[in-house]
Amino acid sequence: MGRAKEIVVKVIPSSVANPFMKKHHYSGKVVNNSCLHFGCFLDNALHGVLSYGPSLDKKKIMELVEGTGWNEFLELNRMAFDDYLPRNSESYCIGKTLRMIRKNAPQIKWVISFADGCSCGDGTIYRASNFVLTNIKENFNLCLLPNGGKIHKMTLESNPTTPRKELGGKSYYDITGGRFNFKKYVEYVNGEILSGFQLRYIYFIDKSYRKKLTVQEIPFSRIDEMGAGMYKGEKVAQAKRHAIKTERHGEVQ
């Protein structure tokens, strides 16, 4: 793992985490309900941030694992790194944060996260970090705005009365007549729905909770079988992803 072991991971305030996230995350945005931020430092500088918080739809998500209490799981809802960190840093840092949560917040039994194939990838980093794949869903809920920005349906529907810049100060409800109507929003902003896949991963901090999973675990091979392999928003099979990774790091397999 080389210099990755030299990375120092520690809790940081949102005032430090959020500016880094806005600069380095592909969305340029933070999740407002993130409440636990970890900073990844190398050579006395911040080069990565992982943000955890409650899921937007906690009641629905907690039902994925039988017997889960209201405050017994977290969502890894944002993660961003710059290009300074060495290879394997992402999985190393995820592992460090999960061990810190297990030690300091023993009530947390599992962590959920989602890979956005529309804009990024299919979750290679989660598979390398021993997460379990629990869903592959074709996703039509991401809108590409004319200015190049992207907005997810859930973001709109979780804050439907909030004035929005792309709507000229109007809210989502203002232009949909007080209803959830993503198609009408897309038409109003002259946007484009991006197609792709969303993949759902779960990491069991308490390994006994894995037996309580109410949905089936999905073998990673299913990603290619469904044509859901993604790399930086482009469809690509696992073999090609490995070739890309090899080329990036100058390795010989």
Protein backbone atom coordinates (compact mmCIF):
# COMPACT_ATOMS: atom_id res chain seq x y z
CA MET A 1 0.00 0.00 0.00
CA GLY A 2 3.06 2.26 0.15
CA ARG A 3 2.54 5.82 1.31
CA ALA A 4 -1.19 5.31 1.79
CA LYS A 5 -0.35 4.06 5.30
CA GLU A 6 1.09 7.49 6.07
CA ILE A 7 -2.29 9.18 5.60
CA VAL A 8 -3.73 10.60 8.81
CA VAL A 9 -7.52 10.35 9.06
CA LYS A 10 -9.32 12.45 11.65
CA VAL A 11 -12.66 14.11 12.30
CA ILE A 12 -12.92 17.65 10.91
CA PRO A 13 -15.62 20.34 11.13
CA SER A 14 -18.01 21.05 8.28
CA SER A 15 -16.37 24.46 7.87
CA VAL A 16 -13.26 22.61 6.63
CA ALA A 17 -14.96 19.65 4.94
CA ASN A 18 -17.56 21.46 2.87
CA PRO A 19 -15.26 23.83 0.90
CA PHE A 20 -13.03 20.87 -0.02
CA MET A 21 -16.05 18.81 -1.05
CA LYS A 22 -17.48 21.58 -3.23
CA LYS A 23 -14.13 21.94 -4.98
CA HIS A 24 -13.32 18.27 -5.55
CA HIS A 25 -16.60 16.30 -5.68
CA TYR A 26 -17.91 15.84 -9.23
CA SER A 27 -21.27 17.36 -8.22
CA GLY A 28 -19.72 20.48 -6.72
CA LYS A 29 -22.21 20.13 -3.86
CA VAL A 30 -22.47 18.89 -0.29
CA VAL A 31 -25.27 16.94 1.40
CA ASN A 32 -26.80 19.30 3.93
CA ASN A 33 -27.56 16.63 6.50
CA SER A 34 -24.00 15.29 6.61
CA CYS A 35 -23.00 15.44 10.25
CA LEU A 36 -19.76 13.49 10.52
CA HIS A 37 -16.78 14.51 8.40
CA PHE A 38 -13.39 12.83 8.16
CA GLY A 39 -10.36 14.57 6.70
CA CYS A 40 -7.50 12.65 5.05
CA PHE A 41 -4.15 14.35 5.52
CA LEU A 42 -0.80 13.61 3.93
CA ASP A 43 2.34 15.78 4.26
CA ASN A 44 0.39 18.09 6.61
CA ALA A 45 -2.25 18.99 4.04
CA LEU A 46 -5.88 17.96 3.44
CA HIS A 47 -6.30 15.77 0.36
CA GLY A 48 -9.57 13.92 0.96
CA VAL A 49 -12.90 14.16 2.76
CA LEU A 50 -15.53 11.55 3.61
CA SER A 51 -18.90 12.77 4.90
CA TYR A 52 -21.45 10.63 6.73
CA GLY A 53 -24.98 11.40 7.85
CA PRO A 54 -28.53 10.05 8.09
CA SER A 55 -30.19 8.87 4.90
CA LEU A 56 -32.81 11.22 3.49
CA ASP A 57 -35.43 8.46 3.68
CA LYS A 58 -34.34 6.76 6.90
CA LYS A 59 -37.52 4.75 7.40
CA LYS A 60 -37.24 3.11 3.99
CA ILE A 61 -33.50 2.47 4.21
CA MET A 62 -33.53 0.98 7.73
CA GLU A 63 -35.93 -1.71 6.52
CA LEU A 64 -33.12 -3.16 4.39
CA VAL A 65 -31.70 -4.74 7.55
CA GLU A 66 -34.21 -6.31 9.91
CA GLY A 67 -34.19 -5.07 13.48
CA THR A 68 -32.20 -1.91 12.76
CA GLY A 69 -32.86 0.92 15.20
CA TRP A 70 -33.50 4.51 14.10
CA ASN A 71 -29.94 5.60 14.89
CA GLU A 72 -28.08 2.37 14.17
CA PHE A 73 -26.91 3.09 10.63
CA LEU A 74 -25.28 5.88 8.64
CA GLU A 75 -24.95 6.80 5.00
CA LEU A 76 -21.60 7.60 3.45
CA ASN A 77 -23.14 10.31 1.31
CA ARG A 78 -20.14 12.18 -0.04
CA MET A 79 -16.52 11.28 -0.71
CA ALA A 80 -13.89 13.26 -2.59
CA PHE A 81 -10.12 13.10 -3.02
CA ASP A 82 -7.66 15.23 -4.95
CA ASP A 83 -4.93 13.78 -7.16
CA TYR A 84 -2.14 14.07 -4.58
CA LEU A 85 -2.83 10.87 -2.68
CA PRO A 86 -1.12 7.62 -3.75
CA ARG A 87 -2.77 4.50 -5.11
CA ASN A 88 -5.14 2.60 -2.79
CA SER A 89 -5.71 5.71 -0.66
CA GLU A 90 -9.48 5.67 -1.10
CA SER A 91 -10.01 2.15 0.24
CA TYR A 92 -7.46 2.77 3.00
CA CYS A 93 -9.28 5.91 4.13
CA ILE A 94 -12.73 4.29 3.98
CA GLY A 95 -11.42 1.45 6.14
CA LYS A 96 -9.97 3.90 8.67
CA THR A 97 -13.24 5.82 8.98
CA LEU A 98 -15.25 2.63 9.45
CA ARG A 99 -12.93 1.45 12.22
CA MET A 100 -13.17 4.85 13.91
CA ILE A 101 -16.97 4.71 13.78
CA ARG A 102 -16.95 1.19 15.22
CA LYS A 103 -14.71 2.29 18.10
CA ASN A 104 -16.32 5.63 18.94
CA ALA A 105 -19.96 5.05 17.92
CA PRO A 106 -20.66 1.38 18.73
CA GLN A 107 -24.39 1.91 18.21
CA ILE A 108 -23.78 2.12 14.45
CA LYS A 109 -24.24 -1.38 13.03
CA TRP A 110 -23.92 -0.75 9.30
CA VAL A 111 -23.24 1.87 6.64
CA ILE A 112 -24.95 2.35 3.30
CA SER A 113 -23.67 4.16 0.23
CA PHE A 114 -24.62 4.59 -3.41
CA ALA A 115 -22.50 4.61 -6.55
CA ASP A 116 -23.77 6.98 -9.23
CA GLY A 117 -23.01 5.45 -12.60
CA CYS A 118 -24.61 8.40 -14.40
CA SER A 119 -21.82 10.75 -13.36
CA CYS A 120 -19.04 8.73 -11.82
CA GLY A 121 -18.52 4.97 -11.53
CA ASP A 122 -20.05 1.68 -10.48
CA GLY A 123 -18.51 1.49 -7.01
CA THR A 124 -15.11 -0.12 -7.51
CA ILE A 125 -13.93 1.53 -4.30
CA TYR A 126 -16.80 -0.01 -2.30
CA ARG A 127 -16.09 -3.48 -3.62
CA ALA A 128 -12.43 -3.04 -2.66
CA SER A 129 -13.57 -2.03 0.83
CA ASN A 130 -15.67 -5.15 1.46
CA PHE A 131 -19.09 -3.57 0.96
CA VAL A 132 -21.93 -5.86 -0.15
CA LEU A 133 -23.81 -5.04 -3.36
CA THR A 134 -27.56 -5.04 -2.70
CA ASN A 135 -29.16 -3.31 -5.68
CA ILE A 136 -28.51 -2.29 -9.29
CA LYS A 137 -31.18 0.08 -10.56
CA GLU A 138 -31.48 1.83 -13.87
CA ASN A 139 -31.60 5.49 -12.98
CA PHE A 140 -33.53 8.22 -14.76
CA ASN A 141 -33.55 10.65 -11.84
CA LEU A 142 -30.58 12.85 -12.70
CA CYS A 143 -31.04 16.01 -14.74
CA LEU A 144 -28.28 17.72 -16.71
CA LEU A 145 -28.89 21.48 -16.65
CA PRO A 146 -28.05 23.76 -19.60
CA ASN A 147 -25.15 25.27 -17.62
CA GLY A 148 -23.55 21.85 -17.14
CA GLY A 149 -24.74 21.41 -13.57
CA LYS A 150 -26.62 18.33 -12.40
CA ILE A 151 -29.54 17.95 -10.03
CA HIS A 152 -31.07 14.76 -8.63
CA LYS A 153 -34.78 14.20 -8.28
CA MET A 154 -34.37 13.38 -4.59
CA THR A 155 -32.69 16.73 -3.95
CA LEU A 156 -35.71 18.52 -5.38
CA GLU A 157 -38.28 16.41 -3.63
CA SER A 158 -36.60 16.62 -0.23
CA ASN A 159 -36.72 20.44 -0.41
CA PRO A 160 -39.71 21.18 -2.67
CA THR A 161 -40.48 24.65 -1.30
CA THR A 162 -36.93 26.01 -1.37
CA PRO A 163 -36.28 28.78 -3.95
CA ARG A 164 -33.87 27.58 -6.63
CA LYS A 165 -31.48 29.59 -8.74
CA GLU A 166 -32.12 27.65 -11.97
CA LEU A 167 -35.84 28.33 -11.51
CA GLY A 168 -35.35 32.07 -11.20
CA GLY A 169 -36.10 32.03 -7.49
CA LYS A 170 -39.14 29.79 -7.78
CA SER A 171 -39.38 26.49 -5.91
CA TYR A 172 -39.88 22.98 -7.28
CA TYR A 173 -43.49 23.07 -6.08
CA ASP A 174 -44.02 26.46 -7.73
CA ILE A 175 -43.46 25.03 -11.19
CA THR A 176 -45.12 21.62 -10.60
CA GLY A 177 -48.29 22.85 -8.93
CA GLY A 178 -47.36 21.43 -5.54
CA ARG A 179 -46.72 17.91 -6.82
CA PHE A 180 -43.75 15.64 -7.40
CA ASN A 181 -43.31 15.93 -11.18
CA PHE A 182 -39.68 15.56 -12.19
CA LYS A 183 -40.50 15.47 -15.90
CA LYS A 184 -42.16 18.89 -15.68
CA TYR A 185 -39.11 20.27 -13.88
CA VAL A 186 -36.78 18.93 -16.59
CA GLU A 187 -38.92 20.51 -19.30
CA TYR A 188 -39.12 23.83 -17.43
CA VAL A 189 -35.33 24.18 -17.09
CA ASN A 190 -34.72 22.84 -20.61
CA GLY A 191 -32.65 20.05 -19.09
CA GLU A 192 -31.80 16.51 -20.12
CA ILE A 193 -32.37 13.33 -18.13
CA LEU A 194 -29.14 11.34 -17.89
CA SER A 195 -29.43 7.58 -18.16
CA GLY A 196 -27.28 5.18 -16.23
CA PHE A 197 -27.34 2.98 -13.17
CA GLN A 198 -27.33 3.52 -9.42
CA LEU A 199 -25.74 0.79 -7.33
CA ARG A 200 -26.45 0.34 -3.62
CA TYR A 201 -23.76 -0.97 -1.27
CA ILE A 202 -23.83 -1.86 2.43
CA TYR A 203 -20.94 -2.39 4.84
CA PHE A 204 -21.67 -4.34 8.00
CA ILE A 205 -19.72 -2.96 10.95
CA ASP A 206 -21.51 -5.49 13.13
CA LYS A 207 -21.08 -8.64 11.06
CA SER A 208 -24.07 -10.34 12.73
CA TYR A 209 -26.37 -7.87 10.97
CA ARG A 210 -25.44 -9.29 7.59
CA LYS A 211 -27.74 -12.24 8.34
CA LYS A 212 -30.59 -9.76 8.84
CA LEU A 213 -30.40 -8.33 5.33
CA THR A 214 -33.95 -8.31 3.92
CA VAL A 215 -32.83 -8.16 0.28
CA GLN A 216 -30.55 -10.49 -1.63
CA GLU A 217 -26.83 -9.92 -1.91
CA ILE A 218 -25.91 -9.46 -5.56
CA PRO A 219 -22.71 -10.98 -6.99
CA PHE A 220 -20.41 -8.38 -8.51
CA SER A 221 -20.51 -10.28 -11.80
CA ARG A 222 -24.10 -9.10 -12.22
CA ILE A 223 -22.82 -5.57 -12.92
CA ASP A 224 -21.44 -6.60 -16.30
CA GLU A 225 -24.34 -8.97 -16.97
CA MET A 226 -26.71 -6.00 -16.72
CA GLY A 227 -24.43 -3.67 -18.68
CA ALA A 228 -24.14 -1.49 -15.58
CA GLY A 229 -20.34 -1.18 -15.55
CA MET A 230 -19.42 2.50 -15.47
CA TYR A 231 -16.23 4.53 -15.30
CA LYS A 232 -16.47 8.32 -15.05
CA GLY A 233 -20.02 8.21 -16.39
CA GLU A 234 -19.19 6.01 -19.39
CA LYS A 235 -20.26 2.39 -19.80
CA VAL A 236 -17.32 0.01 -19.50
CA ALA A 237 -16.90 -3.66 -18.55
CA GLN A 238 -14.79 -4.87 -15.63
CA ALA A 239 -11.97 -6.05 -17.88
CA LYS A 240 -11.73 -2.60 -19.42
CA ARG A 241 -11.81 -0.94 -16.00
CA HIS A 242 -8.87 -3.08 -14.91
CA ALA A 243 -7.00 -2.07 -18.07
CA ILE A 244 -7.68 1.60 -17.35
CA LYS A 245 -6.49 1.20 -13.77
CA THR A 246 -3.34 -0.57 -14.95
CA GLU A 247 -2.59 2.13 -17.49
CA ARG A 248 -3.14 4.92 -14.93
CA HIS A 249 -0.64 3.40 -12.50
CA GLY A 250 1.87 2.07 -15.02
CA GLU A 251 1.55 -1.48 -13.78
CA VAL A 252 2.26 -4.74 -15.55
CA GLN A 253 -0.18 -7.55 -14.69
